[in-house]
């Protein structure tokens, strides 16, 4: 994913890393579903996943680890 695109779709409190992971997981699901159905995709799975995120068809849930401050 291109950095400027991520900057446009992320909210200030969201992590770019979390976005990349969420998009990658969804793209993998799209690819696996297409393979099971023996469909040929017109677009790349990552592009489909990004469009789904932009149009609020999927959402990203970030878990906050309260012990992150303890890392040294």
PDB file of N, CA and C in Angstrom:
ATOM      1  N   UNK A   1       0.854  -1.169   0.000  1.00  0.00           N
ATOM      2  CA  UNK A   1       0.000   0.000   0.000  1.00  0.00           C
ATOM      3  C   UNK A   1       0.899   1.232   0.000  1.00  0.00           C
ATOM      4  N   UNK A   2       0.538   2.191  -0.782  1.00  0.00           N
ATOM      5  CA  UNK A   2       1.333   3.401  -0.903  1.00  0.00           C
ATOM      6  C   UNK A   2       1.069   4.295   0.303  1.00  0.00           C
ATOM      7  N   UNK A   3       2.144   4.849   0.878  1.00  0.00           N
ATOM      8  CA  UNK A   3       2.040   5.651   2.093  1.00  0.00           C
ATOM      9  C   UNK A   3       1.045   6.806   1.997  1.00  0.00           C
ATOM     10  N   UNK A   4       1.051   7.622   0.936  1.00  0.00           N
ATOM     11  CA  UNK A   4       0.080   8.727   0.876  1.00  0.00           C
ATOM     12  C   UNK A   4      -1.373   8.269   0.904  1.00  0.00           C
ATOM     13  N   UNK A   5      -1.670   7.125   0.323  1.00  0.00           N
ATOM     14  CA  UNK A   5      -3.036   6.612   0.355  1.00  0.00           C
ATOM     15  C   UNK A   5      -3.420   6.268   1.789  1.00  0.00           C
ATOM     16  N   UNK A   6      -2.519   5.638   2.515  1.00  0.00           N
ATOM     17  CA  UNK A   6      -2.788   5.296   3.912  1.00  0.00           C
ATOM     18  C   UNK A   6      -3.036   6.558   4.723  1.00  0.00           C
ATOM     19  N   UNK A   7      -2.273   7.609   4.472  1.00  0.00           N
ATOM     20  CA  UNK A   7      -2.454   8.866   5.198  1.00  0.00           C
ATOM     21  C   UNK A   7      -3.837   9.466   4.943  1.00  0.00           C
ATOM     22  N   UNK A   8      -4.383   9.255   3.763  1.00  0.00           N
ATOM     23  CA  UNK A   8      -5.689   9.820   3.432  1.00  0.00           C
ATOM     24  C   UNK A   8      -6.850   9.064   4.072  1.00  0.00           C
ATOM     25  N   UNK A   9      -6.705   7.763   4.287  1.00  0.00           N
ATOM     26  CA  UNK A   9      -7.839   6.987   4.786  1.00  0.00           C
ATOM     27  C   UNK A   9      -7.757   6.681   6.279  1.00  0.00           C
ATOM     28  N   UNK A  10      -6.623   6.957   6.908  1.00  0.00           N
ATOM     29  CA  UNK A  10      -6.483   6.700   8.337  1.00  0.00           C
ATOM     30  C   UNK A  10      -6.995   7.869   9.161  1.00  0.00           C
ATOM     31  N   UNK A  11      -7.594   7.558  10.287  1.00  0.00           N
ATOM     32  CA  UNK A  11      -7.956   8.578  11.261  1.00  0.00           C
ATOM     33  C   UNK A  11      -6.711   8.853  12.102  1.00  0.00           C
ATOM     34  N   UNK A  12      -6.602  10.023  12.704  1.00  0.00           N
ATOM     35  CA  UNK A  12      -5.386  10.360  13.462  1.00  0.00           C
ATOM     36  C   UNK A  12      -5.008   9.357  14.548  1.00  0.00           C
ATOM     37  N   UNK A  13      -5.985   8.729  15.179  1.00  0.00           N
ATOM     38  CA  UNK A  13      -5.688   7.798  16.276  1.00  0.00           C
ATOM     39  C   UNK A  13      -5.383   6.382  15.798  1.00  0.00           C
ATOM     40  N   UNK A  14      -5.452   6.134  14.488  1.00  0.00           N
ATOM     41  CA  UNK A  14      -5.230   4.796  13.959  1.00  0.00           C
ATOM     42  C   UNK A  14      -3.785   4.597  13.521  1.00  0.00           C
ATOM     43  N   UNK A  15      -3.350   3.366  13.612  1.00  0.00           N
ATOM     44  CA  UNK A  15      -1.988   2.989  13.259  1.00  0.00           C
ATOM     45  C   UNK A  15      -1.910   2.519  11.805  1.00  0.00           C
ATOM     46  N   UNK A  16      -0.868   2.946  11.110  1.00  0.00           N
ATOM     47  CA  UNK A  16      -0.652   2.497   9.730  1.00  0.00           C
ATOM     48  C   UNK A  16      -0.397   0.987   9.712  1.00  0.00           C
ATOM     49  N   UNK A  17       0.325   0.497  10.698  1.00  0.00           N
ATOM     50  CA  UNK A  17       0.609  -0.937  10.795  1.00  0.00           C
ATOM     51  C   UNK A  17      -0.693  -1.730  10.888  1.00  0.00           C
ATOM     52  N   UNK A  18      -1.614  -1.287  11.731  1.00  0.00           N
ATOM     53  CA  UNK A  18      -2.894  -1.981  11.895  1.00  0.00           C
ATOM     54  C   UNK A  18      -3.689  -1.976  10.596  1.00  0.00           C
ATOM     55  N   UNK A  19      -3.641  -0.860   9.878  1.00  0.00           N
ATOM     56  CA  UNK A  19      -4.336  -0.783   8.592  1.00  0.00           C
ATOM     57  C   UNK A  19      -3.768  -1.791   7.602  1.00  0.00           C
ATOM     58  N   UNK A  20      -2.463  -1.872   7.522  1.00  0.00           N
ATOM     59  CA  UNK A  20      -1.817  -2.797   6.590  1.00  0.00           C
ATOM     60  C   UNK A  20      -2.188  -4.244   6.930  1.00  0.00           C
ATOM     61  N   UNK A  21      -2.172  -4.575   8.209  1.00  0.00           N
ATOM     62  CA  UNK A  21      -2.521  -5.930   8.638  1.00  0.00           C
ATOM     63  C   UNK A  21      -3.984  -6.235   8.304  1.00  0.00           C
ATOM     64  N   UNK A  22      -4.883  -5.287   8.592  1.00  0.00           N
ATOM     65  CA  UNK A  22      -6.310  -5.486   8.321  1.00  0.00           C
ATOM     66  C   UNK A  22      -6.566  -5.673   6.827  1.00  0.00           C
ATOM     67  N   UNK A  23      -5.931  -4.838   6.003  1.00  0.00           N
ATOM     68  CA  UNK A  23      -6.110  -4.941   4.544  1.00  0.00           C
ATOM     69  C   UNK A  23      -5.539  -6.258   4.033  1.00  0.00           C
ATOM     70  N   UNK A  24      -4.388  -6.656   4.551  1.00  0.00           N
ATOM     71  CA  UNK A  24      -3.765  -7.917   4.114  1.00  0.00           C
ATOM     72  C   UNK A  24      -4.636  -9.113   4.471  1.00  0.00           C
ATOM     73  N   UNK A  25      -5.196  -9.120   5.677  1.00  0.00           N
ATOM     74  CA  UNK A  25      -6.073 -10.227   6.081  1.00  0.00           C
ATOM     75  C   UNK A  25      -7.310 -10.297   5.188  1.00  0.00           C
ATOM     76  N   UNK A  26      -7.917  -9.146   4.926  1.00  0.00           N
ATOM     77  CA  UNK A  26      -9.117  -9.135   4.081  1.00  0.00           C
ATOM     78  C   UNK A  26      -8.781  -9.547   2.647  1.00  0.00           C
ATOM     79  N   UNK A  27      -7.646  -9.081   2.143  1.00  0.00           N
ATOM     80  CA  UNK A  27      -7.228  -9.450   0.782  1.00  0.00           C
ATOM     81  C   UNK A  27      -7.018 -10.961   0.683  1.00  0.00           C
ATOM     82  N   UNK A  28      -6.462 -11.560   1.719  1.00  0.00           N
ATOM     83  CA  UNK A  28      -6.263 -13.007   1.738  1.00  0.00           C
ATOM     84  C   UNK A  28      -7.613 -13.723   1.716  1.00  0.00           C
ATOM     85  N   UNK A  29      -8.578 -13.215   2.486  1.00  0.00           N
ATOM     86  CA  UNK A  29      -9.916 -13.805   2.482  1.00  0.00           C
ATOM     87  C   UNK A  29     -10.559 -13.721   1.105  1.00  0.00           C
ATOM     88  N   UNK A  30     -10.441 -12.570   0.472  1.00  0.00           N
ATOM     89  CA  UNK A  30     -11.003 -12.367  -0.867  1.00  0.00           C
ATOM     90  C   UNK A  30     -10.389 -13.356  -1.851  1.00  0.00           C
ATOM     91  N   UNK A  31      -9.077 -13.497  -1.783  1.00  0.00           N
ATOM     92  CA  UNK A  31      -8.370 -14.413  -2.678  1.00  0.00           C
ATOM     93  C   UNK A  31      -8.802 -15.858  -2.459  1.00  0.00           C
ATOM     94  N   UNK A  32      -8.918 -16.255  -1.193  1.00  0.00           N
ATOM     95  CA  UNK A  32      -9.324 -17.627  -0.885  1.00  0.00           C
ATOM     96  C   UNK A  32     -10.763 -17.897  -1.316  1.00  0.00           C
ATOM     97  N   UNK A  33     -11.650 -16.928  -1.108  1.00  0.00           N
ATOM     98  CA  UNK A  33     -13.044 -17.080  -1.527  1.00  0.00           C
ATOM     99  C   UNK A  33     -13.142 -17.221  -3.045  1.00  0.00           C
ATOM    100  N   UNK A  34     -12.385 -16.417  -3.763  1.00  0.00           N
ATOM    101  CA  UNK A  34     -12.400 -16.480  -5.226  1.00  0.00           C
ATOM    102  C   UNK A  34     -11.860 -17.820  -5.714  1.00  0.00           C
ATOM    103  N   UNK A  35     -10.835 -18.315  -5.036  1.00  0.00           N
ATOM    104  CA  UNK A  35     -10.258 -19.599  -5.427  1.00  0.00           C
ATOM    105  C   UNK A  35     -11.259 -20.740  -5.195  1.00  0.00           C
ATOM    106  N   UNK A  36     -11.961 -20.701  -4.048  1.00  0.00           N
ATOM    107  CA  UNK A  36     -12.959 -21.736  -3.762  1.00  0.00           C
ATOM    108  C   UNK A  36     -14.086 -21.736  -4.788  1.00  0.00           C
ATOM    109  N   UNK A  37     -14.493 -20.542  -5.218  1.00  0.00           N
ATOM    110  CA  UNK A  37     -15.580 -20.407  -6.184  1.00  0.00           C
ATOM    111  C   UNK A  37     -15.085 -20.513  -7.618  1.00  0.00           C
ATOM    112  N   UNK A  38     -13.773 -20.642  -7.776  1.00  0.00           N
ATOM    113  CA  UNK A  38     -13.131 -20.699  -9.094  1.00  0.00           C
ATOM    114  C   UNK A  38     -13.455 -19.468  -9.937  1.00  0.00           C
ATOM    115  N   UNK A  39     -13.422 -18.311  -9.269  1.00  0.00           N
ATOM    116  CA  UNK A  39     -13.671 -17.033  -9.937  1.00  0.00           C
ATOM    117  C   UNK A  39     -12.343 -16.383 -10.319  1.00  0.00           C
ATOM    118  N   UNK A  40     -12.380 -15.644 -11.385  1.00  0.00           N
ATOM    119  CA  UNK A  40     -11.229 -14.844 -11.781  1.00  0.00           C
ATOM    120  C   UNK A  40     -11.545 -13.403 -11.400  1.00  0.00           C
ATOM    121  N   UNK A  41     -10.680 -12.812 -10.593  1.00  0.00           N
ATOM    122  CA  UNK A  41     -10.901 -11.451 -10.120  1.00  0.00           C
ATOM    123  C   UNK A  41     -10.417 -10.442 -11.156  1.00  0.00           C
ATOM    124  N   UNK A  42     -11.211  -9.411 -11.389  1.00  0.00           N
ATOM    125  CA  UNK A  42     -10.818  -8.345 -12.310  1.00  0.00           C
ATOM    126  C   UNK A  42      -9.828  -7.384 -11.653  1.00  0.00           C
ATOM    127  N   UNK A  43      -9.943  -7.245 -10.336  1.00  0.00           N
ATOM    128  CA  UNK A  43      -9.042  -6.368  -9.590  1.00  0.00           C
ATOM    129  C   UNK A  43      -8.198  -7.217  -8.642  1.00  0.00           C
ATOM    130  N   UNK A  44      -7.102  -6.642  -8.186  1.00  0.00           N
ATOM    131  CA  UNK A  44      -6.265  -7.331  -7.214  1.00  0.00           C
ATOM    132  C   UNK A  44      -6.980  -7.355  -5.865  1.00  0.00           C
ATOM    133  N   UNK A  45      -6.813  -8.432  -5.108  1.00  0.00           N
ATOM    134  CA  UNK A  45      -7.486  -8.539  -3.820  1.00  0.00           C
ATOM    135  C   UNK A  45      -7.187  -7.380  -2.867  1.00  0.00           C
ATOM    136  N   UNK A  46      -5.978  -6.855  -2.900  1.00  0.00           N
ATOM    137  CA  UNK A  46      -5.631  -5.729  -2.021  1.00  0.00           C
ATOM    138  C   UNK A  46      -6.442  -4.495  -2.400  1.00  0.00           C
ATOM    139  N   UNK A  47      -6.595  -4.246  -3.678  1.00  0.00           N
ATOM    140  CA  UNK A  47      -7.383  -3.093  -4.127  1.00  0.00           C
ATOM    141  C   UNK A  47      -8.842  -3.238  -3.702  1.00  0.00           C
ATOM    142  N   UNK A  48      -9.379  -4.453  -3.809  1.00  0.00           N
ATOM    143  CA  UNK A  48     -10.760  -4.696  -3.382  1.00  0.00           C
ATOM    144  C   UNK A  48     -10.890  -4.443  -1.884  1.00  0.00           C
ATOM    145  N   UNK A  49      -9.928  -4.934  -1.112  1.00  0.00           N
ATOM    146  CA  UNK A  49      -9.960  -4.753   0.338  1.00  0.00           C
ATOM    147  C   UNK A  49      -9.866  -3.274   0.725  1.00  0.00           C
ATOM    148  N   UNK A  50      -9.020  -2.521   0.052  1.00  0.00           N
ATOM    149  CA  UNK A  50      -8.903  -1.083   0.330  1.00  0.00           C
ATOM    150  C   UNK A  50     -10.220  -0.379   0.018  1.00  0.00           C
ATOM    151  N   UNK A  51     -10.832  -0.715  -1.107  1.00  0.00           N
ATOM    152  CA  UNK A  51     -12.106  -0.100  -1.469  1.00  0.00           C
ATOM    153  C   UNK A  51     -13.196  -0.448  -0.452  1.00  0.00           C
ATOM    154  N   UNK A  52     -13.191  -1.688   0.030  1.00  0.00           N
ATOM    155  CA  UNK A  52     -14.154  -2.072   1.055  1.00  0.00           C
ATOM    156  C   UNK A  52     -13.950  -1.254   2.326  1.00  0.00           C
ATOM    157  N   UNK A  53     -12.703  -1.030   2.691  1.00  0.00           N
ATOM    158  CA  UNK A  53     -12.408  -0.235   3.894  1.00  0.00           C
ATOM    159  C   UNK A  53     -12.846   1.219   3.701  1.00  0.00           C
ATOM    160  N   UNK A  54     -12.546   1.785   2.554  1.00  0.00           N
ATOM    161  CA  UNK A  54     -12.912   3.177   2.270  1.00  0.00           C
ATOM    162  C   UNK A  54     -14.426   3.357   2.296  1.00  0.00           C
ATOM    163  N   UNK A  55     -15.159   2.370   1.781  1.00  0.00           N
ATOM    164  CA  UNK A  55     -16.623   2.454   1.714  1.00  0.00           C
ATOM    165  C   UNK A  55     -17.305   1.849   2.943  1.00  0.00           C
ATOM    166  N   UNK A  56     -16.537   1.624   4.008  1.00  0.00           N
ATOM    167  CA  UNK A  56     -17.043   1.155   5.307  1.00  0.00           C
ATOM    168  C   UNK A  56     -17.743  -0.200   5.234  1.00  0.00           C
ATOM    169  N   UNK A  57     -17.324  -1.050   4.303  1.00  0.00           N
ATOM    170  CA  UNK A  57     -17.871  -2.406   4.237  1.00  0.00           C
ATOM    171  C   UNK A  57     -17.132  -3.321   5.213  1.00  0.00           C
ATOM    172  N   UNK A  58     -15.909  -2.948   5.552  1.00  0.00           N
ATOM    173  CA  UNK A  58     -15.139  -3.627   6.591  1.00  0.00           C
ATOM    174  C   UNK A  58     -14.599  -2.549   7.518  1.00  0.00           C
ATOM    175  N   UNK A  59     -14.253  -2.954   8.726  1.00  0.00           N
ATOM    176  CA  UNK A  59     -13.668  -1.984   9.646  1.00  0.00           C
ATOM    177  C   UNK A  59     -12.491  -2.618  10.363  1.00  0.00           C
ATOM    178  N   UNK A  60     -11.658  -1.769  10.894  1.00  0.00           N
ATOM    179  CA  UNK A  60     -10.456  -2.210  11.572  1.00  0.00           C
ATOM    180  C   UNK A  60     -10.667  -2.025  13.070  1.00  0.00           C
ATOM    181  N   UNK A  61     -10.347  -3.054  13.842  1.00  0.00           N
ATOM    182  CA  UNK A  61     -10.452  -2.976  15.291  1.00  0.00           C
ATOM    183  C   UNK A  61      -9.042  -3.101  15.856  1.00  0.00           C
ATOM    184  N   UNK A  62      -8.607  -2.057  16.536  1.00  0.00           N
ATOM    185  CA  UNK A  62      -7.279  -2.070  17.140  1.00  0.00           C
ATOM    186  C   UNK A  62      -7.412  -2.384  18.620  1.00  0.00           C
ATOM    187  N   UNK A  63      -6.615  -3.326  19.073  1.00  0.00           N
ATOM    188  CA  UNK A  63      -6.590  -3.645  20.491  1.00  0.00           C
ATOM    189  C   UNK A  63      -5.428  -2.888  21.125  1.00  0.00           C
ATOM    190  N   UNK A  64      -5.716  -2.233  22.216  1.00  0.00           N
ATOM    191  CA  UNK A  64      -4.681  -1.482  22.918  1.00  0.00           C
ATOM    192  C   UNK A  64      -4.179  -2.349  24.062  1.00  0.00           C
ATOM    193  N   UNK A  65      -2.873  -2.554  24.097  1.00  0.00           N
ATOM    194  CA  UNK A  65      -2.259  -3.358  25.148  1.00  0.00           C
ATOM    195  C   UNK A  65      -1.849  -2.425  26.286  1.00  0.00           C
ATOM    196  N   UNK A  66      -2.460  -2.559  27.452  1.00  0.00           N
ATOM    197  CA  UNK A  66      -2.135  -1.659  28.553  1.00  0.00           C
ATOM    198  C   UNK A  66      -0.706  -1.822  29.065  1.00  0.00           C
ATOM    199  N   UNK A  67      -0.033  -2.907  28.729  1.00  0.00           N
ATOM    200  CA  UNK A  67       1.345  -3.136  29.202  1.00  0.00           C
ATOM    201  C   UNK A  67       2.394  -2.580  28.262  1.00  0.00           C
ATOM    202  N   UNK A  68       2.019  -1.852  27.219  1.00  0.00           N
ATOM    203  CA  UNK A  68       2.993  -1.315  26.274  1.00  0.00           C
ATOM    204  C   UNK A  68       3.962  -0.354  26.940  1.00  0.00           C
ATOM    205  N   UNK A  69       3.546   0.334  27.991  1.00  0.00           N
ATOM    206  CA  UNK A  69       4.419   1.290  28.668  1.00  0.00           C
ATOM    207  C   UNK A  69       5.535   0.587  29.431  1.00  0.00           C
ATOM    208  N   UNK A  70       5.368  -0.696  29.712  1.00  0.00           N
ATOM    209  CA  UNK A  70       6.350  -1.439  30.509  1.00  0.00           C
ATOM    210  C   UNK A  70       7.527  -1.927  29.676  1.00  0.00           C
ATOM    211  N   UNK A  71       7.451  -1.809  28.355  1.00  0.00           N
ATOM    212  CA  UNK A  71       8.531  -2.298  27.494  1.00  0.00           C
ATOM    213  C   UNK A  71       9.754  -1.408  27.608  1.00  0.00           C
ATOM    214  N   UNK A  72      10.914  -2.044  27.654  1.00  0.00           N
ATOM    215  CA  UNK A  72      12.171  -1.275  27.695  1.00  0.00           C
ATOM    216  C   UNK A  72      13.096  -1.731  26.632  1.00  0.00           C
TER     217      UNK A  72
END
